Amino acid sequence: MACLLLPSFEAEGQEHGRVKWKRPTQAEADHMASESAITDIILRKGDIVVTDRGFFMFRGFLADGWTGDFIPVPNPMSNARK
């Protein structure tokens, strides 16, 4: 007779041993989103990225092939409000 050992599904919902992280502040969430945007591997030359530090245009990758080269650009909405 074969016997299967199956994990107990009762333990799945228990909170024991789980790490509970505090929610990031709005500033921390904005910074994480900005970092994610400027490290996006699908950026192409000329793309505009909006960060918590302003607007930047992607000029390509530096010699290391990983680090992005950005230049600041003015906020296009600032001219529309005048």
PDB file of N, CA and C in Angstrom:
ATOM      1  N   MET A   1       0.843  -1.168   0.000  1.00  0.00           N
ATOM      2  CA  MET A   1       0.000   0.000   0.000  1.00  0.00           C
ATOM      3  C   MET A   1       0.893   1.237   0.000  1.00  0.00           C
ATOM      4  N   ALA A   2       0.643   2.126  -0.900  1.00  0.00           N
ATOM      5  CA  ALA A   2       1.433   3.352  -1.021  1.00  0.00           C
ATOM      6  C   ALA A   2       0.833   4.433  -0.135  1.00  0.00           C
ATOM      7  N   CYS A   3       1.703   5.210   0.455  1.00  0.00           N
ATOM      8  CA  CYS A   3       1.247   6.290   1.322  1.00  0.00           C
ATOM      9  C   CYS A   3       1.864   7.601   0.827  1.00  0.00           C
ATOM     10  N   LEU A   4       1.045   8.581   0.581  1.00  0.00           N
ATOM     11  CA  LEU A   4       1.541   9.880   0.126  1.00  0.00           C
ATOM     12  C   LEU A   4       1.608  10.826   1.307  1.00  0.00           C
ATOM     13  N   LEU A   5       2.697  11.549   1.382  1.00  0.00           N
ATOM     14  CA  LEU A   5       2.818  12.568   2.414  1.00  0.00           C
ATOM     15  C   LEU A   5       2.490  13.904   1.783  1.00  0.00           C
ATOM     16  N   LEU A   6       1.408  14.480   2.215  1.00  0.00           N
ATOM     17  CA  LEU A   6       0.972  15.760   1.679  1.00  0.00           C
ATOM     18  C   LEU A   6       1.167  16.831   2.738  1.00  0.00           C
ATOM     19  N   PRO A   7       1.586  18.031   2.309  1.00  0.00           N
ATOM     20  CA  PRO A   7       1.751  19.111   3.281  1.00  0.00           C
ATOM     21  C   PRO A   7       0.396  19.515   3.849  1.00  0.00           C
ATOM     22  N   SER A   8       0.433  19.984   5.067  1.00  0.00           N
ATOM     23  CA  SER A   8      -0.793  20.450   5.698  1.00  0.00           C
ATOM     24  C   SER A   8      -1.120  21.833   5.170  1.00  0.00           C
ATOM     25  N   PHE A   9      -2.328  21.998   4.638  1.00  0.00           N
ATOM     26  CA  PHE A   9      -2.728  23.283   4.096  1.00  0.00           C
ATOM     27  C   PHE A   9      -3.210  24.229   5.186  1.00  0.00           C
ATOM     28  N   GLU A  10      -3.365  23.702   6.392  1.00  0.00           N
ATOM     29  CA  GLU A  10      -3.777  24.539   7.498  1.00  0.00           C
ATOM     30  C   GLU A  10      -2.705  25.564   7.853  1.00  0.00           C
ATOM     31  N   ALA A  11      -1.456  25.200   7.688  1.00  0.00           N
ATOM     32  CA  ALA A  11      -0.351  26.084   8.065  1.00  0.00           C
ATOM     33  C   ALA A  11      -0.170  27.229   7.079  1.00  0.00           C
ATOM     34  N   GLU A  12      -0.735  27.130   5.873  1.00  0.00           N
ATOM     35  CA  GLU A  12      -0.559  28.160   4.854  1.00  0.00           C
ATOM     36  C   GLU A  12      -1.045  29.523   5.308  1.00  0.00           C
ATOM     37  N   GLY A  13      -2.129  29.576   5.998  1.00  0.00           N
ATOM     38  CA  GLY A  13      -2.708  30.848   6.393  1.00  0.00           C
ATOM     39  C   GLY A  13      -2.135  31.416   7.679  1.00  0.00           C
ATOM     40  N   GLN A  14      -1.318  30.671   8.353  1.00  0.00           N
ATOM     41  CA  GLN A  14      -0.768  31.148   9.619  1.00  0.00           C
ATOM     42  C   GLN A  14       0.293  32.206   9.396  1.00  0.00           C
ATOM     43  N   GLU A  15       0.409  33.122  10.326  1.00  0.00           N
ATOM     44  CA  GLU A  15       1.346  34.237  10.221  1.00  0.00           C
ATOM     45  C   GLU A  15       2.700  33.934  10.875  1.00  0.00           C
ATOM     46  N   HIS A  16       2.876  32.770  11.403  1.00  0.00           N
ATOM     47  CA  HIS A  16       4.108  32.438  12.116  1.00  0.00           C
ATOM     48  C   HIS A  16       5.317  32.485  11.192  1.00  0.00           C
ATOM     49  N   GLY A  17       6.342  33.196  11.616  1.00  0.00           N
ATOM     50  CA  GLY A  17       7.589  33.226  10.880  1.00  0.00           C
ATOM     51  C   GLY A  17       7.630  34.170   9.695  1.00  0.00           C
ATOM     52  N   ARG A  18       6.562  34.877   9.427  1.00  0.00           N
ATOM     53  CA  ARG A  18       6.557  35.803   8.286  1.00  0.00           C
ATOM     54  C   ARG A  18       7.107  37.154   8.708  1.00  0.00           C
ATOM     55  N   VAL A  19       7.823  37.772   7.811  1.00  0.00           N
ATOM     56  CA  VAL A  19       8.347  39.109   8.062  1.00  0.00           C
ATOM     57  C   VAL A  19       7.263  40.114   7.700  1.00  0.00           C
ATOM     58  N   LYS A  20       6.982  41.003   8.606  1.00  0.00           N
ATOM     59  CA  LYS A  20       5.984  42.041   8.343  1.00  0.00           C
ATOM     60  C   LYS A  20       6.720  43.351   8.089  1.00  0.00           C
ATOM     61  N   TRP A  21       6.559  43.892   6.901  1.00  0.00           N
ATOM     62  CA  TRP A  21       7.209  45.141   6.521  1.00  0.00           C
ATOM     63  C   TRP A  21       6.240  46.292   6.720  1.00  0.00           C
ATOM     64  N   LYS A  22       6.774  47.416   7.163  1.00  0.00           N
ATOM     65  CA  LYS A  22       5.919  48.593   7.256  1.00  0.00           C
ATOM     66  C   LYS A  22       5.756  49.177   5.857  1.00  0.00           C
ATOM     67  N   ARG A  23       4.635  49.793   5.605  1.00  0.00           N
ATOM     68  CA  ARG A  23       4.376  50.415   4.307  1.00  0.00           C
ATOM     69  C   ARG A  23       5.334  51.587   4.113  1.00  0.00           C
ATOM     70  N   PRO A  24       5.818  51.781   2.884  1.00  0.00           N
ATOM     71  CA  PRO A  24       6.691  52.936   2.648  1.00  0.00           C
ATOM     72  C   PRO A  24       5.902  54.240   2.727  1.00  0.00           C
ATOM     73  N   THR A  25       6.598  55.304   3.089  1.00  0.00           N
ATOM     74  CA  THR A  25       5.971  56.628   3.063  1.00  0.00           C
ATOM     75  C   THR A  25       5.757  57.017   1.607  1.00  0.00           C
ATOM     76  N   GLN A  26       5.005  58.083   1.372  1.00  0.00           N
ATOM     77  CA  GLN A  26       4.776  58.526   0.000  1.00  0.00           C
ATOM     78  C   GLN A  26       6.094  58.908  -0.668  1.00  0.00           C
ATOM     79  N   ALA A  27       6.988  59.570   0.068  1.00  0.00           N
ATOM     80  CA  ALA A  27       8.288  59.963  -0.495  1.00  0.00           C
ATOM     81  C   ALA A  27       9.116  58.728  -0.845  1.00  0.00           C
ATOM     82  N   GLU A  28       9.090  57.711   0.009  1.00  0.00           N
ATOM     83  CA  GLU A  28       9.831  56.479  -0.278  1.00  0.00           C
ATOM     84  C   GLU A  28       9.249  55.766  -1.494  1.00  0.00           C
ATOM     85  N   ALA A  29       7.925  55.727  -1.599  1.00  0.00           N
ATOM     86  CA  ALA A  29       7.276  55.088  -2.751  1.00  0.00           C
ATOM     87  C   ALA A  29       7.606  55.839  -4.038  1.00  0.00           C
ATOM     88  N   ASP A  30       7.611  57.179  -3.984  1.00  0.00           N
ATOM     89  CA  ASP A  30       7.967  57.984  -5.159  1.00  0.00           C
ATOM     90  C   ASP A  30       9.401  57.710  -5.582  1.00  0.00           C
ATOM     91  N   HIS A  31      10.300  57.618  -4.610  1.00  0.00           N
ATOM     92  CA  HIS A  31      11.709  57.364  -4.919  1.00  0.00           C
ATOM     93  C   HIS A  31      11.892  55.972  -5.526  1.00  0.00           C
ATOM     94  N   MET A  32      11.201  54.973  -4.980  1.00  0.00           N
ATOM     95  CA  MET A  32      11.299  53.620  -5.535  1.00  0.00           C
ATOM     96  C   MET A  32      10.775  53.580  -6.968  1.00  0.00           C
ATOM     97  N   ALA A  33       9.690  54.297  -7.246  1.00  0.00           N
ATOM     98  CA  ALA A  33       9.142  54.346  -8.602  1.00  0.00           C
ATOM     99  C   ALA A  33      10.120  55.035  -9.551  1.00  0.00           C
ATOM    100  N   SER A  34      10.761  56.094  -9.078  1.00  0.00           N
ATOM    101  CA  SER A  34      11.744  56.807  -9.895  1.00  0.00           C
ATOM    102  C   SER A  34      12.928  55.917 -10.232  1.00  0.00           C
ATOM    103  N   GLU A  35      13.438  55.217  -9.226  1.00  0.00           N
ATOM    104  CA  GLU A  35      14.570  54.309  -9.453  1.00  0.00           C
ATOM    105  C   GLU A  35      14.198  53.215 -10.441  1.00  0.00           C
ATOM    106  N   SER A  36      12.983  52.712 -10.338  1.00  0.00           N
ATOM    107  CA  SER A  36      12.523  51.690 -11.261  1.00  0.00           C
ATOM    108  C   SER A  36      12.465  52.229 -12.689  1.00  0.00           C
ATOM    109  N   ALA A  37      11.999  53.471 -12.843  1.00  0.00           N
ATOM    110  CA  ALA A  37      11.882  54.067 -14.177  1.00  0.00           C
ATOM    111  C   ALA A  37      13.244  54.297 -14.822  1.00  0.00           C
ATOM    112  N   ILE A  38      14.214  54.797 -14.052  1.00  0.00           N
ATOM    113  CA  ILE A  38      15.513  55.110 -14.672  1.00  0.00           C
ATOM    114  C   ILE A  38      16.407  53.888 -14.846  1.00  0.00           C
ATOM    115  N   THR A  39      16.017  52.763 -14.274  1.00  0.00           N
ATOM    116  CA  THR A  39      16.798  51.538 -14.479  1.00  0.00           C
ATOM    117  C   THR A  39      16.075  50.561 -15.399  1.00  0.00           C
ATOM    118  N   ASP A  40      15.034  51.021 -16.064  1.00  0.00           N
ATOM    119  CA  ASP A  40      14.259  50.174 -16.975  1.00  0.00           C
ATOM    120  C   ASP A  40      15.131  49.788 -18.173  1.00  0.00           C
ATOM    121  N   ILE A  41      15.254  48.510 -18.440  1.00  0.00           N
ATOM    122  CA  ILE A  41      16.142  48.052 -19.511  1.00  0.00           C
ATOM    123  C   ILE A  41      15.561  48.251 -20.909  1.00  0.00           C
ATOM    124  N   ILE A  42      14.293  48.636 -21.011  1.00  0.00           N
ATOM    125  CA  ILE A  42      13.719  48.834 -22.345  1.00  0.00           C
ATOM    126  C   ILE A  42      13.714  50.300 -22.768  1.00  0.00           C
ATOM    127  N   LEU A  43      14.373  51.171 -21.998  1.00  0.00           N
ATOM    128  CA  LEU A  43      14.462  52.581 -22.395  1.00  0.00           C
ATOM    129  C   LEU A  43      15.205  52.703 -23.724  1.00  0.00           C
ATOM    130  N   ARG A  44      14.754  53.625 -24.537  1.00  0.00           N
ATOM    131  CA  ARG A  44      15.406  53.897 -25.829  1.00  0.00           C
ATOM    132  C   ARG A  44      15.824  55.356 -25.870  1.00  0.00           C
ATOM    133  N   LYS A  45      16.825  55.642 -26.657  1.00  0.00           N
ATOM    134  CA  LYS A  45      17.345  57.002 -26.791  1.00  0.00           C
ATOM    135  C   LYS A  45      16.198  57.961 -27.117  1.00  0.00           C
ATOM    136  N   GLY A  46      16.112  59.052 -26.332  1.00  0.00           N
ATOM    137  CA  GLY A  46      15.075  60.048 -26.529  1.00  0.00           C
ATOM    138  C   GLY A  46      13.867  59.888 -25.626  1.00  0.00           C
ATOM    139  N   ASP A  47      13.762  58.751 -24.925  1.00  0.00           N
ATOM    140  CA  ASP A  47      12.639  58.553 -24.003  1.00  0.00           C
ATOM    141  C   ASP A  47      12.714  59.571 -22.869  1.00  0.00           C
ATOM    142  N   ILE A  48      11.555  60.064 -22.451  1.00  0.00           N
ATOM    143  CA  ILE A  48      11.470  60.987 -21.318  1.00  0.00           C
ATOM    144  C   ILE A  48      10.997  60.197 -20.101  1.00  0.00           C
ATOM    145  N   VAL A  49      11.713  60.372 -18.997  1.00  0.00           N
ATOM    146  CA  VAL A  49      11.389  59.682 -17.750  1.00  0.00           C
ATOM    147  C   VAL A  49      11.019  60.734 -16.711  1.00  0.00           C
ATOM    148  N   VAL A  50       9.905  60.523 -16.030  1.00  0.00           N
ATOM    149  CA  VAL A  50       9.468  61.423 -14.965  1.00  0.00           C
ATOM    150  C   VAL A  50       9.888  60.797 -13.639  1.00  0.00           C
ATOM    151  N   THR A  51      10.654  61.547 -12.857  1.00  0.00           N
ATOM    152  CA  THR A  51      11.136  61.044 -11.575  1.00  0.00           C
ATOM    153  C   THR A  51      10.730  61.987 -10.457  1.00  0.00           C
ATOM    154  N   ASP A  52      11.077  61.604  -9.242  1.00  0.00           N
ATOM    155  CA  ASP A  52      10.818  62.481  -8.108  1.00  0.00           C
ATOM    156  C   ASP A  52      11.757  63.689  -8.107  1.00  0.00           C
ATOM    157  N   ARG A  53      12.722  63.699  -9.020  1.00  0.00           N
ATOM    158  CA  ARG A  53      13.657  64.832  -9.160  1.00  0.00           C
ATOM    159  C   ARG A  53      13.406  65.649 -10.420  1.00  0.00           C
ATOM    160  N   GLY A  54      12.366  65.308 -11.166  1.00  0.00           N
ATOM    161  CA  GLY A  54      12.042  66.053 -12.372  1.00  0.00           C
ATOM    162  C   GLY A  54      12.003  65.172 -13.608  1.00  0.00           C
ATOM    163  N   PHE A  55      12.047  65.836 -14.774  1.00  0.00           N
ATOM    164  CA  PHE A  55      11.979  65.162 -16.067  1.00  0.00           C
ATOM    165  C   PHE A  55      13.389  64.976 -16.619  1.00  0.00           C
ATOM    166  N   PHE A  56      13.647  63.794 -17.183  1.00  0.00           N
ATOM    167  CA  PHE A  56      14.962  63.503 -17.755  1.00  0.00           C
ATOM    168  C   PHE A  56      14.790  62.790 -19.082  1.00  0.00           C
ATOM    169  N   MET A  57      15.709  63.087 -20.028  1.00  0.00           N
ATOM    170  CA  MET A  57      15.714  62.405 -21.311  1.00  0.00           C
ATOM    171  C   MET A  57      16.844  61.389 -21.316  1.00  0.00           C
ATOM    172  N   PHE A  58      16.506  60.181 -21.734  1.00  0.00           N
ATOM    173  CA  PHE A  58      17.482  59.096 -21.811  1.00  0.00           C
ATOM    174  C   PHE A  58      18.321  59.272 -23.068  1.00  0.00           C
ATOM    175  N   ARG A  59      19.657  59.300 -22.897  1.00  0.00           N
ATOM    176  CA  ARG A  59      20.552  59.465 -24.048  1.00  0.00           C
ATOM    177  C   ARG A  59      21.228  58.168 -24.453  1.00  0.00           C
ATOM    178  N   GLY A  60      21.055  57.133 -23.680  1.00  0.00           N
ATOM    179  CA  GLY A  60      21.683  55.851 -23.979  1.00  0.00           C
ATOM    180  C   GLY A  60      22.389  55.306 -22.751  1.00  0.00           C
ATOM    181  N   PHE A  61      23.063  54.196 -22.952  1.00  0.00           N
ATOM    182  CA  PHE A  61      23.799  53.578 -21.856  1.00  0.00           C
ATOM    183  C   PHE A  61      25.256  54.003 -21.914  1.00  0.00           C
ATOM    184  N   LEU A  62      25.863  54.113 -20.743  1.00  0.00           N
ATOM    185  CA  LEU A  62      27.277  54.448 -20.659  1.00  0.00           C
ATOM    186  C   LEU A  62      28.107  53.243 -21.067  1.00  0.00           C
ATOM    187  N   ALA A  63      29.423  53.388 -21.055  1.00  0.00           N
ATOM    188  CA  ALA A  63      30.329  52.341 -21.537  1.00  0.00           C
ATOM    189  C   ALA A  63      30.162  51.010 -20.813  1.00  0.00           C
ATOM    190  N   ASP A  64      29.697  51.044 -19.560  1.00  0.00           N
ATOM    191  CA  ASP A  64      29.523  49.786 -18.826  1.00  0.00           C
ATOM    192  C   ASP A  64      28.338  48.974 -19.346  1.00  0.00           C
ATOM    193  N   GLY A  65      27.513  49.593 -20.209  1.00  0.00           N
ATOM    194  CA  GLY A  65      26.379  48.894 -20.792  1.00  0.00           C
ATOM    195  C   GLY A  65      25.192  48.744 -19.871  1.00  0.00           C
ATOM    196  N   TRP A  66      25.273  49.280 -18.675  1.00  0.00           N
ATOM    197  CA  TRP A  66      24.205  49.124 -17.699  1.00  0.00           C
ATOM    198  C   TRP A  66      23.690  50.460 -17.180  1.00  0.00           C
ATOM    199  N   THR A  67      24.607  51.393 -16.948  1.00  0.00           N
ATOM    200  CA  THR A  67      24.252  52.688 -16.381  1.00  0.00           C
ATOM    201  C   THR A  67      23.661  53.588 -17.455  1.00  0.00           C
ATOM    202  N   GLY A  68      22.512  54.178 -17.149  1.00  0.00           N
ATOM    203  CA  GLY A  68      21.855  55.066 -18.094  1.00  0.00           C
ATOM    204  C   GLY A  68      22.425  56.471 -18.049  1.00  0.00           C
ATOM    205  N   ASP A  69      22.452  57.116 -19.201  1.00  0.00           N
ATOM    206  CA  ASP A  69      22.906  58.500 -19.320  1.00  0.00           C
ATOM    207  C   ASP A  69      21.669  59.361 -19.556  1.00  0.00           C
ATOM    208  N   PHE A  70      21.417  60.284 -18.639  1.00  0.00           N
ATOM    209  CA  PHE A  70      20.228  61.131 -18.699  1.00  0.00           C
ATOM    210  C   PHE A  70      20.618  62.597 -18.656  1.00  0.00           C
ATOM    211  N   ILE A  71      19.816  63.432 -19.304  1.00  0.00           N
ATOM    212  CA  ILE A  71      19.970  64.881 -19.169  1.00  0.00           C
ATOM    213  C   ILE A  71      18.627  65.449 -18.714  1.00  0.00           C
ATOM    214  N   PRO A  72      18.670  66.454 -17.839  1.00  0.00           N
ATOM    215  CA  PRO A  72      17.409  67.046 -17.391  1.00  0.00           C
ATOM    216  C   PRO A  72      16.723  67.806 -18.516  1.00  0.00           C
ATOM    217  N   VAL A  73      15.418  67.762 -18.527  1.00  0.00           N
ATOM    218  CA  VAL A  73      14.628  68.532 -19.488  1.00  0.00           C
ATOM    219  C   VAL A  73      13.569  69.301 -18.703  1.00  0.00           C
ATOM    220  N   PRO A  74      13.154  70.467 -19.216  1.00  0.00           N
ATOM    221  CA  PRO A  74      12.127  71.230 -18.512  1.00  0.00           C
ATOM    222  C   PRO A  74      10.789  70.490 -18.516  1.00  0.00           C
ATOM    223  N   ASN A  75      10.002  70.760 -17.505  1.00  0.00           N
ATOM    224  CA  ASN A  75       8.665  70.179 -17.410  1.00  0.00           C
ATOM    225  C   ASN A  75       7.817  70.742 -18.557  1.00  0.00           C
ATOM    226  N   PRO A  76       7.324  69.887 -19.456  1.00  0.00           N
ATOM    227  CA  PRO A  76       6.538  70.389 -20.587  1.00  0.00           C
ATOM    228  C   PRO A  76       5.214  71.021 -20.153  1.00  0.00           C
ATOM    229  N   MET A  77       4.726  70.684 -18.998  1.00  0.00           N
ATOM    230  CA  MET A  77       3.466  71.241 -18.507  1.00  0.00           C
ATOM    231  C   MET A  77       3.636  72.669 -17.977  1.00  0.00           C
ATOM    232  N   SER A  78       4.859  73.055 -17.613  1.00  0.00           N
ATOM    233  CA  SER A  78       5.060  74.399 -17.077  1.00  0.00           C
ATOM    234  C   SER A  78       4.798  75.456 -18.146  1.00  0.00           C
ATOM    235  N   ASN A  79       5.073  75.186 -19.413  1.00  0.00           N
ATOM    236  CA  ASN A  79       4.809  76.119 -20.501  1.00  0.00           C
ATOM    237  C   ASN A  79       3.333  76.183 -20.850  1.00  0.00           C
ATOM    238  N   ALA A  80       2.611  75.082 -20.664  1.00  0.00           N
ATOM    239  CA  ALA A  80       1.189  75.028 -21.001  1.00  0.00           C
ATOM    240  C   ALA A  80       0.338  75.868 -20.055  1.00  0.00           C
ATOM    241  N   ARG A  81       0.820  76.108 -18.864  1.00  0.00           N
ATOM    242  CA  ARG A  81       0.039  76.857 -17.875  1.00  0.00           C
ATOM    243  C   ARG A  81       0.159  78.357 -18.030  1.00  0.00           C
ATOM    244  N   LYS A  82       1.121  78.832 -18.810  1.00  0.00           N
ATOM    245  CA  LYS A  82       1.337  80.281 -18.975  1.00  0.00           C
ATOM    246  C   LYS A  82       0.375  80.891 -19.938  1.00  0.00           C
TER     247      LYS A  82
END
